Amino acid sequence: MWCGSATSASNIGSDGAPSGAKPVVVKVGTSSGTDEGGVIDRSAVKKLAAEVAALRGAGHDVIVVSSGAVAAGVAALGLARRPSDIATLQAIAAAGQARLMRSWDDALAEHGLVPAQALLVPHDFVDRRQYLHARRTLTRLLALGAVPIVNENDAIASDDIRYGDNDRLAALVSHNIGAALLVLLTDLDGLYTADPRVTADAELIREVAADDPLLSIAAGGGGSGRGSGGMASKLEAARIASWSGVPTVIANASRSGVLAAAAAGEPVGTRFEARQRSLSARKLWIAFAAHAAGAIVVDDGARTALVERNTSLLPAGVVAVEGSFIDGDTVEVRSTDGTPFARGMVFVDAAQLRKVKGMQTRDLPDGVVHEVIHRDDLVVLPR
């Protein structure tokens, strides 16, 4: 496989969550907002701004997650191609972000709307206080009638703890704000059975159920080459949103009325259903967004306890340790055949765990934590 009315200040709950209409989160990819040279395509942004305004007119609050800062920076600084080193990418993003916001400011102003820049980093979703602060800020902006324009704070994000692409960020924002819908706009009509640009008989997949195996496979990268995403990252974002209780639509940004159609539930692009059970923000980050610093291999007994009884992982169940992670890192948890089945934040570093793996709790040296991964910091991956 290839892969209501605007919220008022009085409708904001004590935890910062909107108690009225749920917003629609719209992710605009680099390929949808820039031309082939990476220059911001003002006509494309103008078209999308008009659709955002129409959605607002229909009673929906809207949050836009907009890519394109790096591509705009590359074009503005006259570089021949997108660089690969993180330091240059961060510098370029800083140069391009102002141009990206200016394009949204100009386009939304034609409809009497005010954009509000919101730059986020992964810590805003890992730390509970930052998570709530981000929610309060976004909700308050909506209450004031603004259109939040969200992007990763590329200029300061660490390579080890960055989102990596704005599809994933958009899904996390959808969870944070309790969105009614996530729309991922791209240069294709949706998810196909094969890459339609190279396979003539590729078919568009209209609907994907919450328990469909499509949500657990890897799609092809694809993409325009100007951004960091592709169909694989959109499928991953759909998984995150589904586990957040948010339905997702992947659709073509160039289609007329695409946002209104998606919000109305009309057959546009590919629609992914939401799961009834949703994960907390912290567990979403562990499961889908955090960089895995290593892996822990456990025996069959430990695997059964983790999957079926929701227990914590103890040293006794560990048979092997891979990588050089430290306390607080996220790691994969694998069965003895090498298959990853869970992820979690560790309470012990790799060097120490190698010394105590297989030990019963009563035999552990003094000062060694009894839980390798606490059950509150462990997520059994969806299959």
Protein backbone atom coordinates (compact mmCIF):
# COMPACT_ATOMS: atom_id res chain seq x y z
CA MET A 1 0.00 0.00 0.00
CA TRP A 2 1.15 3.51 -0.85
CA CYS A 3 0.46 5.45 1.05
CA GLY A 4 -21.32 25.68 15.52
CA SER A 5 -20.44 29.21 16.02
CA ALA A 6 -17.11 30.76 16.95
CA THR A 7 -16.12 29.91 20.51
CA SER A 8 -16.70 32.84 22.86
CA ALA A 9 -14.71 33.63 25.96
CA SER A 10 -17.61 32.41 28.09
CA ASN A 11 -17.40 28.99 26.44
CA ILE A 12 -13.92 28.22 27.75
CA GLY A 13 -13.66 25.64 30.52
CA SER A 14 -11.45 25.98 33.59
CA ASP A 15 -8.80 23.72 32.03
CA GLY A 16 -8.64 25.86 28.90
CA ALA A 17 -10.62 23.43 26.73
CA PRO A 18 -13.46 24.83 24.64
CA SER A 19 -16.86 23.80 25.96
CA GLY A 20 -18.72 24.90 22.84
CA ALA A 21 -18.13 24.16 19.15
CA LYS A 22 -15.07 22.10 18.34
CA PRO A 23 -12.63 23.63 15.84
CA VAL A 24 -11.39 22.19 12.57
CA VAL A 25 -7.61 21.82 12.24
CA VAL A 26 -6.30 22.29 8.69
CA LYS A 27 -2.76 21.31 7.79
CA VAL A 28 -1.36 22.97 4.66
CA GLY A 29 1.66 21.15 3.27
CA THR A 30 4.68 22.78 1.65
CA SER A 31 3.62 21.47 -1.76
CA SER A 32 0.23 23.17 -1.33
CA GLY A 33 1.59 26.58 -0.39
CA THR A 34 4.75 27.00 -2.48
CA ASP A 35 5.64 26.70 -6.14
CA GLU A 36 8.19 24.29 -7.61
CA GLY A 37 10.99 26.73 -6.77
CA GLY A 38 9.95 26.83 -3.13
CA VAL A 39 8.64 30.40 -3.34
CA ILE A 40 5.41 30.99 -1.45
CA ASP A 41 2.53 30.69 -3.92
CA ARG A 42 0.39 33.64 -2.91
CA SER A 43 -2.48 32.60 -5.18
CA ALA A 44 -2.60 29.20 -3.47
CA VAL A 45 -2.52 30.77 0.00
CA LYS A 46 -5.20 33.24 -1.10
CA LYS A 47 -7.41 30.36 -2.26
CA LEU A 48 -6.98 28.52 1.03
CA ALA A 49 -7.57 31.68 3.06
CA ALA A 50 -10.88 32.11 1.25
CA GLU A 51 -11.81 28.54 2.18
CA VAL A 52 -10.86 29.17 5.81
CA ALA A 53 -13.08 32.27 5.75
CA ALA A 54 -15.95 30.24 4.29
CA LEU A 55 -15.52 27.63 7.01
CA ARG A 56 -15.60 30.39 9.62
CA GLY A 57 -18.74 31.75 8.00
CA ALA A 58 -20.36 28.33 8.34
CA GLY A 59 -19.79 28.41 12.10
CA HIS A 60 -16.48 26.57 12.47
CA ASP A 61 -13.44 27.84 14.32
CA VAL A 62 -10.30 27.01 12.33
CA ILE A 63 -6.68 26.39 13.28
CA VAL A 64 -4.19 26.26 10.40
CA VAL A 65 -0.96 24.28 10.69
CA SER A 66 1.12 25.70 7.87
CA SER A 67 4.34 24.31 6.46
CA GLY A 68 6.57 26.20 4.06
CA ALA A 69 8.96 28.22 6.24
CA VAL A 70 12.04 26.23 5.20
CA ALA A 71 11.10 26.24 1.52
CA ALA A 72 10.40 29.97 1.67
CA GLY A 73 13.75 30.54 3.38
CA VAL A 74 15.59 28.54 0.73
CA ALA A 75 14.03 30.67 -1.99
CA ALA A 76 14.52 33.96 -0.14
CA LEU A 77 18.20 33.31 0.54
CA GLY A 78 18.84 32.20 -3.03
CA LEU A 79 20.01 28.67 -2.20
CA ALA A 80 20.10 26.10 -4.99
CA ARG A 81 18.51 23.33 -2.92
CA ARG A 82 17.15 22.47 0.50
CA PRO A 83 20.11 21.78 2.83
CA SER A 84 20.28 18.70 5.05
CA ASP A 85 22.20 19.88 8.12
CA ILE A 86 20.05 20.93 11.06
CA ALA A 87 21.86 24.20 11.83
CA THR A 88 21.32 25.56 8.32
CA LEU A 89 17.72 24.33 8.23
CA GLN A 90 16.97 26.14 11.47
CA ALA A 91 18.50 29.37 10.20
CA ILE A 92 16.60 29.11 6.93
CA ALA A 93 13.33 28.43 8.76
CA ALA A 94 13.78 31.62 10.77
CA ALA A 95 14.19 33.58 7.54
CA GLY A 96 11.23 31.91 5.86
CA GLN A 97 8.77 32.02 8.77
CA ALA A 98 8.26 35.79 8.51
CA ARG A 99 7.49 35.49 4.81
CA LEU A 100 5.09 32.61 5.44
CA MET A 101 3.16 34.62 8.05
CA ARG A 102 3.09 37.69 5.82
CA SER A 103 1.40 35.67 3.07
CA TRP A 104 -1.28 34.44 5.49
CA ASP A 105 -1.71 37.92 6.95
CA ASP A 106 -2.29 39.45 3.52
CA ALA A 107 -4.64 36.67 2.38
CA LEU A 108 -6.78 36.50 5.52
CA ALA A 109 -7.00 40.29 5.78
CA GLU A 110 -9.06 40.29 2.59
CA HIS A 111 -11.76 38.50 4.60
CA GLY A 112 -11.46 40.62 7.71
CA LEU A 113 -9.61 37.86 9.59
CA VAL A 114 -6.52 38.17 11.75
CA PRO A 115 -3.90 35.39 11.78
CA ALA A 116 -1.97 34.71 14.99
CA GLN A 117 1.40 32.96 14.87
CA ALA A 118 1.85 30.08 17.31
CA LEU A 119 5.21 28.27 17.25
CA LEU A 120 5.30 25.02 19.21
CA VAL A 121 7.99 22.56 20.30
CA PRO A 122 7.59 18.91 21.37
CA HIS A 123 7.98 19.83 25.07
CA ASP A 124 4.63 21.62 24.78
CA PHE A 125 2.97 18.22 24.44
CA VAL A 126 5.12 16.18 26.83
CA ASP A 127 4.91 18.48 29.85
CA ARG A 128 1.38 18.70 31.28
CA ARG A 129 1.71 22.37 32.23
CA GLN A 130 2.95 23.32 28.78
CA TYR A 131 0.23 21.20 27.19
CA LEU A 132 -2.47 23.08 29.09
CA HIS A 133 -0.77 26.40 28.42
CA ALA A 134 -0.75 25.70 24.68
CA ARG A 135 -4.42 24.74 24.86
CA ARG A 136 -5.36 27.90 26.73
CA THR A 137 -3.46 30.07 24.27
CA LEU A 138 -5.02 28.48 21.19
CA THR A 139 -8.49 28.52 22.72
CA ARG A 140 -8.17 32.14 23.74
CA LEU A 141 -7.04 33.11 20.25
CA LEU A 142 -10.13 31.41 18.83
CA ALA A 143 -12.32 33.20 21.37
CA LEU A 144 -10.85 36.51 20.24
CA GLY A 145 -11.76 35.70 16.64
CA ALA A 146 -8.21 35.09 15.42
CA VAL A 147 -7.05 32.29 13.14
CA PRO A 148 -4.06 30.57 14.79
CA ILE A 149 -1.33 29.74 12.27
CA VAL A 150 0.72 26.97 13.88
CA ASN A 151 4.17 25.75 12.92
CA GLU A 152 6.99 23.93 14.62
CA ASN A 153 9.53 26.31 16.15
CA ASP A 154 12.22 25.03 13.78
CA ALA A 155 14.72 27.70 14.78
CA ILE A 156 15.17 26.19 18.27
CA ALA A 157 13.91 22.60 18.01
CA SER A 158 16.47 19.91 18.82
CA ASP A 159 17.06 17.31 16.13
CA ASP A 160 16.42 14.56 18.67
CA ILE A 161 13.08 15.89 19.94
CA ARG A 162 11.53 17.59 16.94
CA TYR A 163 8.21 16.58 15.37
CA GLY A 164 9.91 15.94 12.04
CA ASP A 165 6.92 17.04 9.98
CA ASN A 166 3.82 19.18 10.41
CA ASP A 167 1.41 16.32 9.73
CA ARG A 168 2.32 14.86 13.12
CA LEU A 169 2.18 18.29 14.74
CA ALA A 170 -1.29 18.90 13.29
CA ALA A 171 -2.52 15.61 14.77
CA LEU A 172 -1.14 16.53 18.20
CA VAL A 173 -2.74 19.97 18.00
CA SER A 174 -6.03 18.27 17.13
CA HIS A 175 -5.78 16.23 20.32
CA ASN A 176 -4.76 19.26 22.37
CA ILE A 177 -7.68 21.41 21.27
CA GLY A 178 -10.28 18.62 21.06
CA ALA A 179 -10.85 19.16 17.34
CA ALA A 180 -13.94 18.04 15.48
CA LEU A 181 -11.89 17.20 12.38
CA LEU A 182 -8.34 17.18 11.03
CA VAL A 183 -7.91 17.97 7.33
CA LEU A 184 -4.52 17.20 5.78
CA LEU A 185 -4.19 19.06 2.49
CA THR A 186 -1.73 17.82 -0.09
CA ASP A 187 -1.15 17.71 -3.86
CA LEU A 188 -2.96 14.36 -4.24
CA ASP A 189 -6.66 13.50 -3.96
CA GLY A 190 -6.10 11.20 -0.97
CA LEU A 191 -4.68 7.78 -0.15
CA TYR A 192 -4.35 5.44 -3.12
CA THR A 193 -3.76 1.72 -3.55
CA ALA A 194 -0.50 2.68 -5.28
CA ASP A 195 1.32 5.86 -6.26
CA PRO A 196 -1.05 7.33 -8.89
CA ARG A 197 1.82 9.28 -10.46
CA VAL A 198 3.47 6.07 -11.60
CA THR A 199 0.65 3.49 -11.55
CA ALA A 200 -2.18 4.12 -13.99
CA ASP A 201 -4.71 1.81 -12.31
CA ALA A 202 -4.15 3.13 -8.78
CA GLU A 203 -7.49 3.55 -6.98
CA LEU A 204 -8.47 6.18 -4.45
CA ILE A 205 -9.39 4.76 -1.03
CA ARG A 206 -12.46 6.67 0.13
CA GLU A 207 -12.84 5.47 3.73
CA VAL A 208 -10.61 3.83 6.33
CA ALA A 209 -12.21 2.35 9.45
CA ALA A 210 -10.68 2.91 12.89
CA ASP A 211 -9.65 -0.76 13.07
CA ASP A 212 -8.54 -1.02 9.44
CA PRO A 213 -5.07 -2.56 8.93
CA LEU A 214 -4.25 0.47 6.74
CA LEU A 215 -3.67 2.40 9.96
CA SER A 216 -0.83 0.11 10.98
CA ILE A 217 1.20 -0.14 7.77
CA ALA A 218 3.91 2.04 6.32
CA ALA A 219 3.00 4.05 3.24
CA GLY A 220 5.37 5.29 0.59
CA GLY A 221 7.13 8.56 1.24
CA GLY A 222 6.13 10.39 -1.92
CA GLY A 223 5.97 14.12 -1.47
CA SER A 224 7.13 17.01 -3.57
CA GLY A 225 10.69 17.11 -2.24
CA ARG A 226 10.18 20.67 -0.95
CA GLY A 227 8.82 19.57 2.43
CA SER A 228 9.57 16.92 5.05
CA GLY A 229 6.34 14.92 4.83
CA GLY A 230 4.72 12.72 2.23
CA MET A 231 1.91 10.17 2.33
CA ALA A 232 3.68 8.11 5.02
CA SER A 233 3.62 11.02 7.47
CA LYS A 234 -0.03 11.72 6.67
CA LEU A 235 -0.96 8.12 7.39
CA GLU A 236 0.93 8.37 10.67
CA ALA A 237 -0.92 11.61 11.49
CA ALA A 238 -4.22 9.89 10.75
CA ARG A 239 -3.24 7.16 13.22
CA ILE A 240 -2.46 9.73 15.91
CA ALA A 241 -5.70 11.60 15.27
CA SER A 242 -7.72 8.39 15.25
CA TRP A 243 -6.29 7.46 18.65
CA SER A 244 -7.19 10.99 19.78
CA GLY A 245 -10.84 10.52 18.86
CA VAL A 246 -10.53 12.89 15.90
CA PRO A 247 -11.58 11.88 12.36
CA THR A 248 -9.17 12.83 9.57
CA VAL A 249 -9.51 13.67 5.89
CA ILE A 250 -6.62 13.65 3.40
CA ALA A 251 -7.59 15.73 0.37
CA ASN A 252 -6.28 17.81 -2.52
CA ALA A 253 -5.60 21.43 -1.59
CA SER A 254 -6.40 22.61 -5.12
CA ARG A 255 -9.95 21.24 -5.09
CA SER A 256 -12.58 23.97 -4.94
CA GLY A 257 -14.50 23.99 -1.66
CA VAL A 258 -12.37 21.20 -0.20
CA LEU A 259 -12.59 22.41 3.41
CA ALA A 260 -16.34 22.97 3.38
CA ALA A 261 -16.86 19.55 1.80
CA ALA A 262 -14.63 17.82 4.36
CA ALA A 263 -16.34 19.57 7.29
CA ALA A 264 -19.77 18.65 5.92
CA GLY A 265 -18.81 14.99 5.68
CA GLU A 266 -19.07 14.92 1.91
CA PRO A 267 -17.07 12.31 -0.04
CA VAL A 268 -13.86 14.23 -0.60
CA GLY A 269 -10.42 12.60 -0.45
CA THR A 270 -9.85 9.79 2.06
CA ARG A 271 -11.67 9.87 5.40
CA PHE A 272 -10.28 8.06 8.46
CA GLU A 273 -12.66 7.22 11.27
CA ALA A 274 -11.82 7.99 14.88
CA ARG A 275 -11.44 5.35 17.56
CA GLN A 276 -13.83 5.33 20.49
CA ARG A 277 -10.93 4.87 22.90
CA SER A 278 -8.42 7.71 22.97
CA LEU A 279 -4.98 8.07 24.49
CA SER A 280 -3.77 10.86 26.77
CA ALA A 281 -1.50 13.50 25.25
CA ARG A 282 1.50 12.06 27.08
CA LYS A 283 0.86 8.56 25.78
CA LEU A 284 0.23 9.86 22.28
CA TRP A 285 3.65 11.48 22.37
CA ILE A 286 5.29 8.30 23.63
CA ALA A 287 3.53 6.11 21.06
CA PHE A 288 3.77 8.20 17.93
CA ALA A 289 5.96 11.26 18.21
CA ALA A 290 8.92 10.67 20.49
CA HIS A 291 12.30 9.60 19.12
CA ALA A 292 13.14 6.05 20.26
CA ALA A 293 16.58 6.15 21.89
CA GLY A 294 16.92 2.38 22.12
CA ALA A 295 15.04 -0.85 22.69
CA ILE A 296 14.32 -3.33 25.47
CA VAL A 297 13.66 -6.97 24.64
CA VAL A 298 11.37 -8.79 27.09
CA ASP A 299 10.44 -12.42 27.63
CA ASP A 300 7.04 -13.88 26.80
CA GLY A 301 5.81 -13.61 30.36
CA ALA A 302 6.59 -9.92 30.57
CA ARG A 303 5.00 -9.32 27.18
CA THR A 304 1.78 -10.98 28.30
CA ALA A 305 1.73 -8.96 31.53
CA LEU A 306 2.26 -5.68 29.69
CA VAL A 307 -0.29 -6.35 26.94
CA GLU A 308 -3.03 -8.16 28.84
CA ARG A 309 -2.73 -6.92 32.44
CA ASN A 310 -1.46 -3.35 31.93
CA THR A 311 1.43 -3.83 34.37
CA SER A 312 4.71 -1.96 34.71
CA LEU A 313 7.88 -3.46 33.22
CA LEU A 314 10.22 -4.88 35.85
CA PRO A 315 13.90 -5.86 35.43
CA ALA A 316 12.96 -9.55 35.81
CA GLY A 317 11.25 -9.57 32.41
CA VAL A 318 14.12 -7.95 30.49
CA VAL A 319 16.32 -10.25 28.41
CA ALA A 320 18.28 -7.74 26.30
CA VAL A 321 19.03 -4.03 26.08
CA GLU A 322 19.80 -2.14 22.86
CA GLY A 323 21.16 1.39 22.56
CA SER A 324 22.53 3.85 25.10
CA PHE A 325 19.42 5.55 26.46
CA ILE A 326 19.20 7.45 29.73
CA ASP A 327 16.52 7.98 32.38
CA GLY A 328 13.54 9.76 30.77
CA ASP A 329 14.21 8.59 27.22
CA THR A 330 11.58 6.84 25.13
CA VAL A 331 12.40 3.29 24.01
CA GLU A 332 10.76 0.52 22.04
CA VAL A 333 9.72 -2.63 23.86
CA ARG A 334 10.18 -5.75 21.74
CA SER A 335 9.31 -9.40 22.03
CA THR A 336 12.04 -12.03 21.69
CA ASP A 337 11.41 -12.32 17.93
CA GLY A 338 12.33 -8.64 17.56
CA THR A 339 8.80 -7.34 16.97
CA PRO A 340 8.08 -3.95 18.63
CA PHE A 341 4.77 -4.10 20.52
CA ALA A 342 5.03 -1.18 22.95
CA ARG A 343 6.84 2.05 23.73
CA GLY A 344 7.64 3.69 27.03
CA MET A 345 9.68 6.21 29.01
CA VAL A 346 12.38 4.49 31.05
CA PHE A 347 13.26 5.12 34.70
CA VAL A 348 16.76 3.63 34.35
CA ASP A 349 19.64 4.11 31.93
CA ALA A 350 20.82 1.41 29.55
CA ALA A 351 24.12 0.73 31.31
CA GLN A 352 22.46 0.08 34.64
CA LEU A 353 19.66 -1.97 33.10
CA ARG A 354 22.20 -4.29 31.47
CA LYS A 355 23.57 -5.04 34.94
CA VAL A 356 20.20 -5.87 36.53
CA LYS A 357 18.22 -7.38 33.62
CA GLY A 358 16.57 -10.64 34.59
CA MET A 359 16.85 -9.94 38.35
CA GLN A 360 13.89 -10.39 40.65
CA THR A 361 12.83 -7.26 42.54
CA ARG A 362 14.04 -8.68 45.88
CA ASP A 363 17.55 -9.17 44.45
CA LEU A 364 18.02 -5.66 43.07
CA PRO A 365 20.89 -3.61 44.55
CA ASP A 366 20.00 -0.71 46.81
CA GLY A 367 19.14 2.47 44.96
CA VAL A 368 18.00 0.74 41.75
CA VAL A 369 14.44 1.60 40.77
CA HIS A 370 12.06 -1.37 40.76
CA GLU A 371 10.24 -0.36 37.59
CA VAL A 372 12.04 -0.06 34.28
CA ILE A 373 8.93 1.54 32.73
CA HIS A 374 5.91 2.51 34.82
CA ARG A 375 2.57 1.48 33.36
CA ASP A 376 1.51 5.15 33.18
CA ASP A 377 4.44 5.79 30.84
CA LEU A 378 3.96 2.70 28.65
CA VAL A 379 1.80 2.39 25.55
CA VAL A 380 0.91 -0.89 23.86
CA LEU A 381 1.04 -0.02 20.18
CA PRO A 382 -2.14 -0.38 18.10
CA ARG A 383 -2.10 -3.30 15.68
